[in-house]
PDB file of all heavy atoms in Angstrom:
ATOM      1  N   LYS A   1       3.238   5.463  36.128  1.00  0.00           N
ATOM      2  CA  LYS A   1       4.359   5.175  35.176  1.00  0.00           C
ATOM      3  C   LYS A   1       3.906   4.235  34.042  1.00  0.00           C
ATOM      4  O   LYS A   1       4.629   3.942  33.124  1.00  0.00           O
ATOM      5  CB  LYS A   1       5.524   4.503  35.906  1.00  0.00           C
ATOM      6  CG  LYS A   1       6.170   5.406  36.998  1.00  0.00           C
ATOM      7  CD  LYS A   1       7.465   4.799  37.460  1.00  0.00           C
ATOM      8  CE  LYS A   1       8.270   5.616  38.313  1.00  0.00           C
ATOM      9  NZ  LYS A   1       9.529   5.043  38.843  1.00  0.00           N
ATOM     10  N   MET A   2       2.608   3.983  33.972  1.00  0.00           N
ATOM     11  CA  MET A   2       2.089   3.135  32.945  1.00  0.00           C
ATOM     12  C   MET A   2       2.160   3.773  31.582  1.00  0.00           C
ATOM     13  O   MET A   2       1.892   4.850  31.285  1.00  0.00           O
ATOM     14  CB  MET A   2       0.691   2.738  33.198  1.00  0.00           C
ATOM     15  CG  MET A   2      -0.047   1.845  32.167  1.00  0.00           C
ATOM     16  SD  MET A   2       0.661   0.290  31.959  1.00  0.00           S
ATOM     17  CE  MET A   2       0.054  -0.566  33.462  1.00  0.00           C
ATOM     18  N   ILE A   3       2.608   2.879  30.617  1.00  0.00           N
ATOM     19  CA  ILE A   3       2.492   3.225  29.139  1.00  0.00           C
ATOM     20  C   ILE A   3       1.297   2.483  28.593  1.00  0.00           C
ATOM     21  O   ILE A   3       1.244   1.295  28.549  1.00  0.00           O
ATOM     22  CB  ILE A   3       3.841   2.716  28.484  1.00  0.00           C
ATOM     23  CG1 ILE A   3       5.058   3.141  29.125  1.00  0.00           C
ATOM     24  CG2 ILE A   3       3.739   3.107  26.985  1.00  0.00           C
ATOM     25  CD1 ILE A   3       5.230   4.718  29.159  1.00  0.00           C
ATOM     26  N   LEU A   4       0.368   3.286  28.077  1.00  0.00           N
ATOM     27  CA  LEU A   4      -0.771   2.782  27.411  1.00  0.00           C
ATOM     28  C   LEU A   4      -0.650   2.749  25.974  1.00  0.00           C
ATOM     29  O   LEU A   4      -0.717   3.992  25.342  1.00  0.00           O
ATOM     30  CB  LEU A   4      -2.083   3.447  27.893  1.00  0.00           C
ATOM     31  CG  LEU A   4      -3.381   3.071  27.282  1.00  0.00           C
ATOM     32  CD1 LEU A   4      -3.696   1.486  27.532  1.00  0.00           C
ATOM     33  CD2 LEU A   4      -4.642   3.840  27.721  1.00  0.00           C
ATOM     34  N   ALA A   5      -0.493   1.759  25.237  1.00  0.00           N
ATOM     35  CA  ALA A   5      -0.255   1.731  23.831  1.00  0.00           C
ATOM     36  C   ALA A   5      -1.392   1.080  23.065  1.00  0.00           C
ATOM     37  O   ALA A   5      -1.993   0.152  23.501  1.00  0.00           O
ATOM     38  CB  ALA A   5       1.028   0.815  23.496  1.00  0.00           C
ATOM     39  N   SER A   6      -1.776   1.841  22.014  1.00  0.00           N
ATOM     40  CA  SER A   6      -3.079   1.499  21.354  1.00  0.00           C
ATOM     41  C   SER A   6      -2.786   1.341  19.801  1.00  0.00           C
ATOM     42  O   SER A   6      -2.181   2.198  19.186  1.00  0.00           O
ATOM     43  CB  SER A   6      -4.169   2.562  21.593  1.00  0.00           C
ATOM     44  OG  SER A   6      -4.378   2.732  22.977  1.00  0.00           O
ATOM     45  N   VAL A   7      -3.447   0.257  19.296  1.00  0.00           N
ATOM     46  CA  VAL A   7      -3.528   0.142  17.764  1.00  0.00           C
ATOM     47  C   VAL A   7      -4.925   0.674  17.434  1.00  0.00           C
ATOM     48  O   VAL A   7      -5.842   0.276  17.988  1.00  0.00           O
ATOM     49  CB  VAL A   7      -3.358  -1.225  17.471  1.00  0.00           C
ATOM     50  CG1 VAL A   7      -3.631  -1.506  15.955  1.00  0.00           C
ATOM     51  CG2 VAL A   7      -2.078  -1.894  17.794  1.00  0.00           C
ATOM     52  N   LYS A   8      -4.817   1.553  16.370  1.00  0.00           N
ATOM     53  CA  LYS A   8      -6.017   2.142  15.863  1.00  0.00           C
ATOM     54  C   LYS A   8      -6.222   1.932  14.384  1.00  0.00           C
ATOM     55  O   LYS A   8      -5.164   1.666  13.762  1.00  0.00           O
ATOM     56  CB  LYS A   8      -6.127   3.624  16.207  1.00  0.00           C
ATOM     57  CG  LYS A   8      -6.134   3.925  17.751  1.00  0.00           C
ATOM     58  CD  LYS A   8      -6.071   5.490  17.956  1.00  0.00           C
ATOM     59  CE  LYS A   8      -6.157   5.678  19.423  1.00  0.00           C
ATOM     60  NZ  LYS A   8      -7.357   5.331  20.147  1.00  0.00           N
ATOM     61  N   GLY A   9      -7.369   1.971  13.864  1.00  0.00           N
ATOM     62  CA  GLY A   9      -7.535   1.949  12.516  1.00  0.00           C
ATOM     63  C   GLY A   9      -7.264   3.282  11.887  1.00  0.00           C
ATOM     64  O   GLY A   9      -6.296   3.379  10.922  1.00  0.00           O
ATOM     65  N   PHE A  10      -7.760   4.383  12.329  1.00  0.00           N
ATOM     66  CA  PHE A  10      -7.363   5.670  11.892  1.00  0.00           C
ATOM     67  C   PHE A  10      -7.094   6.551  13.157  1.00  0.00           C
ATOM     68  O   PHE A  10      -7.520   6.147  14.308  1.00  0.00           O
ATOM     69  CB  PHE A  10      -8.558   6.372  11.128  1.00  0.00           C
ATOM     70  CG  PHE A  10      -8.784   5.745   9.860  1.00  0.00           C
ATOM     71  CD1 PHE A  10      -9.871   4.677   9.814  1.00  0.00           C
ATOM     72  CD2 PHE A  10      -8.287   6.164   8.686  1.00  0.00           C
ATOM     73  CE1 PHE A  10     -10.090   4.068   8.582  1.00  0.00           C
ATOM     74  CE2 PHE A  10      -8.540   5.494   7.386  1.00  0.00           C
ATOM     75  CZ  PHE A  10      -9.527   4.514   7.391  1.00  0.00           C
ATOM     76  N   SER A  11      -6.315   7.581  13.043  1.00  0.00           N
ATOM     77  CA  SER A  11      -5.853   8.248  14.122  1.00  0.00           C
ATOM     78  C   SER A  11      -6.978   9.106  14.868  1.00  0.00           C
ATOM     79  O   SER A  11      -7.991   9.363  14.178  1.00  0.00           O
ATOM     80  CB  SER A  11      -4.699   9.242  13.711  1.00  0.00           C
ATOM     81  OG  SER A  11      -5.212  10.178  12.640  1.00  0.00           O
ATOM     82  N   ASP A  12      -6.780   9.462  16.082  1.00  0.00           N
ATOM     83  CA  ASP A  12      -7.838  10.181  16.822  1.00  0.00           C
ATOM     84  C   ASP A  12      -8.111  11.475  16.092  1.00  0.00           C
ATOM     85  O   ASP A  12      -7.239  12.266  15.553  1.00  0.00           O
ATOM     86  CB  ASP A  12      -7.285  10.560  18.241  1.00  0.00           C
ATOM     87  CG  ASP A  12      -7.270   9.427  19.136  1.00  0.00           C
ATOM     88  OD1 ASP A  12      -7.958   8.325  18.803  1.00  0.00           O
ATOM     89  OD2 ASP A  12      -6.494   9.443  20.077  1.00  0.00           O
ATOM     90  N   GLY A  13      -9.397  11.694  15.928  1.00  0.00           N
ATOM     91  CA  GLY A  13      -9.943  12.945  15.193  1.00  0.00           C
ATOM     92  C   GLY A  13     -10.042  12.818  13.751  1.00  0.00           C
ATOM     93  O   GLY A  13     -10.529  13.746  13.103  1.00  0.00           O
ATOM     94  N   HIS A  14      -9.615  11.720  13.223  1.00  0.00           N
ATOM     95  CA  HIS A  14      -9.744  11.449  11.752  1.00  0.00           C
ATOM     96  C   HIS A  14     -11.225  11.344  11.412  1.00  0.00           C
ATOM     97  O   HIS A  14     -12.065  10.831  12.176  1.00  0.00           O
ATOM     98  CB  HIS A  14      -8.990  10.133  11.404  1.00  0.00           C
ATOM     99  CG  HIS A  14      -8.719  10.037   9.960  1.00  0.00           C
ATOM    100  ND1 HIS A  14      -9.733   9.668   9.032  1.00  0.00           N
ATOM    101  CD2 HIS A  14      -7.580  10.067   9.181  1.00  0.00           C
ATOM    102  CE1 HIS A  14      -9.239   9.627   7.802  1.00  0.00           C
ATOM    103  NE2 HIS A  14      -7.847   9.877   7.932  1.00  0.00           N
ATOM    104  N   HIS A  15     -11.536  11.891  10.176  1.00  0.00           N
ATOM    105  CA  HIS A  15     -12.963  11.718   9.741  1.00  0.00           C
ATOM    106  C   HIS A  15     -13.443  10.336   9.609  1.00  0.00           C
ATOM    107  O   HIS A  15     -14.657  10.104   9.413  1.00  0.00           O
ATOM    108  CB  HIS A  15     -13.201  12.613   8.529  1.00  0.00           C
ATOM    109  CG  HIS A  15     -12.387  12.290   7.361  1.00  0.00           C
ATOM    110  ND1 HIS A  15     -11.086  12.544   7.172  1.00  0.00           N
ATOM    111  CD2 HIS A  15     -12.654  11.528   6.260  1.00  0.00           C
ATOM    112  CE1 HIS A  15     -10.646  12.076   6.008  1.00  0.00           C
ATOM    113  NE2 HIS A  15     -11.524  11.420   5.496  1.00  0.00           N
ATOM    114  N   TYR A  16     -12.543   9.369   9.541  1.00  0.00           N
ATOM    115  CA  TYR A  16     -12.877   7.918   9.439  1.00  0.00           C
ATOM    116  C   TYR A  16     -12.666   7.134  10.831  1.00  0.00           C
ATOM    117  O   TYR A  16     -12.659   5.879  10.787  1.00  0.00           O
ATOM    118  CB  TYR A  16     -12.176   7.203   8.324  1.00  0.00           C
ATOM    119  CG  TYR A  16     -12.581   7.608   6.922  1.00  0.00           C
ATOM    120  CD1 TYR A  16     -11.751   7.580   5.915  1.00  0.00           C
ATOM    121  CD2 TYR A  16     -13.875   7.879   6.652  1.00  0.00           C
ATOM    122  CE1 TYR A  16     -12.128   7.850   4.538  1.00  0.00           C
ATOM    123  CE2 TYR A  16     -14.440   8.157   5.374  1.00  0.00           C
ATOM    124  CZ  TYR A  16     -13.459   8.080   4.315  1.00  0.00           C
ATOM    125  OH  TYR A  16     -13.861   8.520   3.045  1.00  0.00           O
ATOM    126  N   GLU A  17     -12.466   7.856  11.887  1.00  0.00           N
ATOM    127  CA  GLU A  17     -12.036   7.062  13.018  1.00  0.00           C
ATOM    128  C   GLU A  17     -13.019   6.101  13.488  1.00  0.00           C
ATOM    129  O   GLU A  17     -12.718   5.219  14.350  1.00  0.00           O
ATOM    130  CB  GLU A  17     -11.755   8.100  14.252  1.00  0.00           C
ATOM    131  CG  GLU A  17     -12.846   8.875  14.779  1.00  0.00           C
ATOM    132  CD  GLU A  17     -12.427   9.753  15.948  1.00  0.00           C
ATOM    133  OE1 GLU A  17     -11.551   9.353  16.758  1.00  0.00           O
ATOM    134  OE2 GLU A  17     -13.013  10.934  16.059  1.00  0.00           O
ATOM    135  N   ASP A  18     -14.328   6.232  13.163  1.00  0.00           N
ATOM    136  CA  ASP A  18     -15.379   5.302  13.522  1.00  0.00           C
ATOM    137  C   ASP A  18     -15.393   4.072  12.650  1.00  0.00           C
ATOM    138  O   ASP A  18     -15.953   3.037  13.003  1.00  0.00           O
ATOM    139  CB  ASP A  18     -16.771   5.971  13.483  1.00  0.00           C
ATOM    140  CG  ASP A  18     -17.060   6.363  11.987  1.00  0.00           C
ATOM    141  OD1 ASP A  18     -16.230   7.060  11.448  1.00  0.00           O
ATOM    142  OD2 ASP A  18     -18.202   6.122  11.483  1.00  0.00           O
ATOM    143  N   LEU A  19     -14.627   4.025  11.509  1.00  0.00           N
ATOM    144  CA  LEU A  19     -14.597   2.817  10.695  1.00  0.00           C
ATOM    145  C   LEU A  19     -13.770   1.653  11.312  1.00  0.00           C
ATOM    146  O   LEU A  19     -12.730   1.831  11.893  1.00  0.00           O
ATOM    147  CB  LEU A  19     -14.024   3.197   9.305  1.00  0.00           C
ATOM    148  CG  LEU A  19     -14.769   4.058   8.334  1.00  0.00           C
ATOM    149  CD1 LEU A  19     -14.063   4.323   7.150  1.00  0.00           C
ATOM    150  CD2 LEU A  19     -16.140   3.240   8.073  1.00  0.00           C
ATOM    151  N   LYS A  20     -14.322   0.444  11.145  1.00  0.00           N
ATOM    152  CA  LYS A  20     -13.488  -0.691  11.442  1.00  0.00           C
ATOM    153  C   LYS A  20     -12.491  -0.983  10.368  1.00  0.00           C
ATOM    154  O   LYS A  20     -12.738  -0.784   9.183  1.00  0.00           O
ATOM    155  CB  LYS A  20     -14.435  -1.913  11.600  1.00  0.00           C
ATOM    156  CG  LYS A  20     -15.277  -1.959  12.798  1.00  0.00           C
ATOM    157  CD  LYS A  20     -16.051  -3.211  12.881  1.00  0.00           C
ATOM    158  CE  LYS A  20     -16.838  -3.337  14.175  1.00  0.00           C
ATOM    159  NZ  LYS A  20     -17.616  -4.528  14.361  1.00  0.00           N
ATOM    160  N   VAL A  21     -11.279  -1.383  10.730  1.00  0.00           N
ATOM    161  CA  VAL A  21     -10.134  -1.454   9.810  1.00  0.00           C
ATOM    162  C   VAL A  21      -9.523  -2.818   9.943  1.00  0.00           C
ATOM    163  O   VAL A  21      -9.266  -3.309  11.060  1.00  0.00           O
ATOM    164  CB  VAL A  21      -9.044  -0.390  10.024  1.00  0.00           C
ATOM    165  CG1 VAL A  21      -7.956  -0.650   9.026  1.00  0.00           C
ATOM    166  CG2 VAL A  21      -9.762   1.039   9.863  1.00  0.00           C
ATOM    167  N   TYR A  22      -9.353  -3.606   8.804  1.00  0.00           N
ATOM    168  CA  TYR A  22      -8.537  -4.743   8.688  1.00  0.00           C
ATOM    169  C   TYR A  22      -7.436  -4.496   7.679  1.00  0.00           C
ATOM    170  O   TYR A  22      -7.338  -3.428   7.142  1.00  0.00           O
ATOM    171  CB  TYR A  22      -9.545  -5.848   8.279  1.00  0.00           C
ATOM    172  CG  TYR A  22     -10.521  -6.334   9.241  1.00  0.00           C
ATOM    173  CD1 TYR A  22     -11.817  -5.670   9.285  1.00  0.00           C
ATOM    174  CD2 TYR A  22     -10.251  -7.240  10.301  1.00  0.00           C
ATOM    175  CE1 TYR A  22     -12.749  -6.142  10.199  1.00  0.00           C
ATOM    176  CE2 TYR A  22     -11.147  -7.590  11.238  1.00  0.00           C
ATOM    177  CZ  TYR A  22     -12.381  -7.060  11.162  1.00  0.00           C
ATOM    178  OH  TYR A  22     -13.403  -7.380  12.103  1.00  0.00           O
ATOM    179  N   GLU A  23      -6.636  -5.587   7.561  1.00  0.00           N
ATOM    180  CA  GLU A  23      -5.449  -5.503   6.687  1.00  0.00           C
ATOM    181  C   GLU A  23      -5.677  -4.758   5.439  1.00  0.00           C
ATOM    182  O   GLU A  23      -5.086  -3.708   5.138  1.00  0.00           O
ATOM    183  CB  GLU A  23      -4.911  -6.871   6.479  1.00  0.00           C
ATOM    184  CG  GLU A  23      -3.795  -6.949   5.489  1.00  0.00           C
ATOM    185  CD  GLU A  23      -2.558  -6.314   6.077  1.00  0.00           C
ATOM    186  OE1 GLU A  23      -2.144  -6.424   7.122  1.00  0.00           O
ATOM    187  OE2 GLU A  23      -1.907  -5.457   5.180  1.00  0.00           O
ATOM    188  N   ASN A  24      -6.606  -5.283   4.656  1.00  0.00           N
ATOM    189  CA  ASN A  24      -6.670  -4.765   3.141  1.00  0.00           C
ATOM    190  C   ASN A  24      -7.281  -3.328   3.230  1.00  0.00           C
ATOM    191  O   ASN A  24      -7.077  -2.517   2.324  1.00  0.00           O
ATOM    192  CB  ASN A  24      -7.543  -5.671   2.328  1.00  0.00           C
ATOM    193  CG  ASN A  24      -6.760  -6.950   2.128  1.00  0.00           C
ATOM    194  OD1 ASN A  24      -5.546  -7.064   2.436  1.00  0.00           O
ATOM    195  ND2 ASN A  24      -7.451  -7.955   1.645  1.00  0.00           N
ATOM    196  N   VAL A  25      -8.194  -3.135   4.300  1.00  0.00           N
ATOM    197  CA  VAL A  25      -8.707  -1.631   4.408  1.00  0.00           C
ATOM    198  C   VAL A  25      -7.532  -0.769   4.615  1.00  0.00           C
ATOM    199  O   VAL A  25      -7.512   0.373   3.986  1.00  0.00           O
ATOM    200  CB  VAL A  25      -9.747  -1.645   5.586  1.00  0.00           C
ATOM    201  CG1 VAL A  25     -10.197  -0.194   5.834  1.00  0.00           C
ATOM    202  CG2 VAL A  25     -10.959  -2.560   5.306  1.00  0.00           C
ATOM    203  N   ALA A  26      -6.656  -1.019   5.512  1.00  0.00           N
ATOM    204  CA  ALA A  26      -5.515  -0.226   5.811  1.00  0.00           C
ATOM    205  C   ALA A  26      -4.635   0.023   4.557  1.00  0.00           C
ATOM    206  O   ALA A  26      -4.288   1.119   4.297  1.00  0.00           O
ATOM    207  CB  ALA A  26      -4.706  -0.710   6.964  1.00  0.00           C
ATOM    208  N   GLN A  27      -4.458  -0.931   3.777  1.00  0.00           N
ATOM    209  CA  GLN A  27      -3.679  -0.853   2.590  1.00  0.00           C
ATOM    210  C   GLN A  27      -4.238   0.153   1.612  1.00  0.00           C
ATOM    211  O   GLN A  27      -3.625   0.842   0.951  1.00  0.00           O
ATOM    212  CB  GLN A  27      -3.381  -2.244   1.872  1.00  0.00           C
ATOM    213  CG  GLN A  27      -2.441  -3.170   2.803  1.00  0.00           C
ATOM    214  CD  GLN A  27      -1.937  -4.252   1.895  1.00  0.00           C
ATOM    215  OE1 GLN A  27      -1.820  -4.153   0.654  1.00  0.00           O
ATOM    216  NE2 GLN A  27      -1.728  -5.424   2.539  1.00  0.00           N
ATOM    217  N   CYS A  28      -5.610  -0.026   1.477  1.00  0.00           N
ATOM    218  CA  CYS A  28      -6.286   0.990   0.615  1.00  0.00           C
ATOM    219  C   CYS A  28      -6.312   2.386   1.123  1.00  0.00           C
ATOM    220  O   CYS A  28      -6.107   3.335   0.391  1.00  0.00           O
ATOM    221  CB  CYS A  28      -7.768   0.445   0.256  1.00  0.00           C
ATOM    222  SG  CYS A  28      -7.797  -1.110  -0.598  1.00  0.00           S
ATOM    223  N   ALA A  29      -6.570   2.505   2.398  1.00  0.00           N
ATOM    224  CA  ALA A  29      -6.608   3.826   3.006  1.00  0.00           C
ATOM    225  C   ALA A  29      -5.228   4.456   3.130  1.00  0.00           C
ATOM    226  O   ALA A  29      -5.137   5.715   3.161  1.00  0.00           O
ATOM    227  CB  ALA A  29      -7.185   3.746   4.390  1.00  0.00           C
ATOM    228  N   GLY A  30      -4.099   3.714   3.147  1.00  0.00           N
ATOM    229  CA  GLY A  30      -2.777   4.183   3.291  1.00  0.00           C
ATOM    230  C   GLY A  30      -2.013   4.501   1.982  1.00  0.00           C
ATOM    231  O   GLY A  30      -0.845   4.921   2.008  1.00  0.00           O
ATOM    232  N   GLY A  31      -2.628   4.290   0.835  1.00  0.00           N
ATOM    233  CA  GLY A  31      -1.990   4.494  -0.403  1.00  0.00           C
ATOM    234  C   GLY A  31      -1.204   3.315  -1.089  1.00  0.00           C
ATOM    235  O   GLY A  31      -0.744   3.509  -2.169  1.00  0.00           O
ATOM    236  N   ALA A  32      -1.179   2.186  -0.303  1.00  0.00           N
ATOM    237  CA  ALA A  32      -0.388   1.091  -0.886  1.00  0.00           C
ATOM    238  C   ALA A  32      -1.169   0.501  -2.159  1.00  0.00           C
ATOM    239  O   ALA A  32      -0.611   0.179  -3.124  1.00  0.00           O
ATOM    240  CB  ALA A  32      -0.192   0.046   0.183  1.00  0.00           C
ATOM    241  N   ALA A  33      -2.456   0.237  -1.979  1.00  0.00           N
ATOM    242  CA  ALA A  33      -3.238  -0.426  -3.024  1.00  0.00           C
ATOM    243  C   ALA A  33      -3.282   0.387  -4.397  1.00  0.00           C
ATOM    244  O   ALA A  33      -3.212  -0.063  -5.425  1.00  0.00           O
ATOM    245  CB  ALA A  33      -4.638  -0.680  -2.506  1.00  0.00           C
ATOM    246  N   SER A  34      -3.367   1.683  -4.214  1.00  0.00           N
ATOM    247  CA  SER A  34      -3.565   2.585  -5.367  1.00  0.00           C
ATOM    248  C   SER A  34      -2.246   2.579  -6.195  1.00  0.00           C
ATOM    249  O   SER A  34      -2.247   2.900  -7.455  1.00  0.00           O
ATOM    250  CB  SER A  34      -3.908   4.000  -5.070  1.00  0.00           C
ATOM    251  OG  SER A  34      -2.851   4.619  -4.290  1.00  0.00           O
ATOM    252  N   THR A  35      -1.061   2.216  -5.565  1.00  0.00           N
ATOM    253  CA  THR A  35       0.172   2.222  -6.258  1.00  0.00           C
ATOM    254  C   THR A  35       0.666   0.848  -6.566  1.00  0.00           C
ATOM    255  O   THR A  35       1.882   0.728  -6.928  1.00  0.00           O
ATOM    256  CB  THR A  35       1.111   3.093  -5.554  1.00  0.00           C
ATOM    257  OG1 THR A  35       1.187   2.609  -4.134  1.00  0.00           O
ATOM    258  CG2 THR A  35       0.713   4.565  -5.517  1.00  0.00           C
ATOM    259  N   THR A  36      -0.087  -0.075  -6.260  1.00  0.00           N
ATOM    260  CA  THR A  36       0.373  -1.513  -6.435  1.00  0.00           C
ATOM    261  C   THR A  36      -0.541  -2.192  -7.546  1.00  0.00           C
ATOM    262  O   THR A  36      -1.685  -2.071  -7.512  1.00  0.00           O
ATOM    263  CB  THR A  36       0.229  -2.386  -5.127  1.00  0.00           C
ATOM    264  OG1 THR A  36       1.087  -1.643  -4.166  1.00  0.00           O
ATOM    265  CG2 THR A  36       0.747  -3.765  -5.313  1.00  0.00           C
ATOM    266  N   GLY A  37       0.141  -3.065  -8.344  1.00  0.00           N
ATOM    267  CA  GLY A  37      -0.540  -3.681  -9.419  1.00  0.00           C
ATOM    268  C   GLY A  37      -0.023  -3.185 -10.811  1.00  0.00           C
ATOM    269  O   GLY A  37       0.953  -2.467 -10.848  1.00  0.00           O
ATOM    270  N   PHE A  38      -0.870  -3.563 -11.810  1.00  0.00           N
ATOM    271  CA  PHE A  38      -0.527  -3.149 -13.169  1.00  0.00           C
ATOM    272  C   PHE A  38      -1.303  -1.934 -13.575  1.00  0.00           C
ATOM    273  O   PHE A  38      -2.472  -1.885 -13.174  1.00  0.00           O
ATOM    274  CB  PHE A  38      -0.501  -4.400 -14.084  1.00  0.00           C
ATOM    275  CG  PHE A  38       0.621  -5.200 -13.962  1.00  0.00           C
ATOM    276  CD1 PHE A  38       0.670  -6.131 -12.947  1.00  0.00           C
ATOM    277  CD2 PHE A  38       1.696  -5.150 -14.828  1.00  0.00           C
ATOM    278  CE1 PHE A  38       1.862  -6.998 -12.840  1.00  0.00           C
ATOM    279  CE2 PHE A  38       2.816  -5.903 -14.674  1.00  0.00           C
ATOM    280  CZ  PHE A  38       2.933  -6.819 -13.664  1.00  0.00           C
ATOM    281  N   TRP A  39      -0.808  -1.201 -14.487  1.00  0.00           N
ATOM    282  CA  TRP A  39      -1.406   0.033 -14.933  1.00  0.00           C
ATOM    283  C   TRP A  39      -2.821  -0.234 -15.664  1.00  0.00           C
ATOM    284  O   TRP A  39      -3.635   0.601 -15.648  1.00  0.00           O
ATOM    285  CB  TRP A  39      -0.510   0.813 -15.879  1.00  0.00           C
ATOM    286  CG  TRP A  39       0.100  -0.042 -16.966  1.00  0.00           C
ATOM    287  CD1 TRP A  39      -0.349  -0.295 -18.228  1.00  0.00           C
ATOM    288  CD2 TRP A  39       1.335  -0.704 -16.785  1.00  0.00           C
ATOM    289  NE1 TRP A  39       0.529  -1.156 -18.874  1.00  0.00           N
ATOM    290  CE2 TRP A  39       1.593  -1.408 -18.088  1.00  0.00           C
ATOM    291  CE3 TRP A  39       2.296  -0.904 -15.870  1.00  0.00           C
ATOM    292  CZ2 TRP A  39       2.637  -2.220 -18.294  1.00  0.00           C
ATOM    293  CZ3 TRP A  39       3.345  -1.677 -16.046  1.00  0.00           C
ATOM    294  CH2 TRP A  39       3.641  -2.287 -17.258  1.00  0.00           C
TER     295      TRP A  39
END
C-alpha cells in the first residue's frame, strides 16, 4: 500500500533527465525566465 513520491528535475524519459536541477535551472527550463523581465 506504499505511496512512493518523487521530486525530479525532469520527467522520466526526458532528454535532460540526467541533468541536476536547482531553482533557477527549473525556471529557465520551464519557460518562466524567458517570459520574465524587460524586453
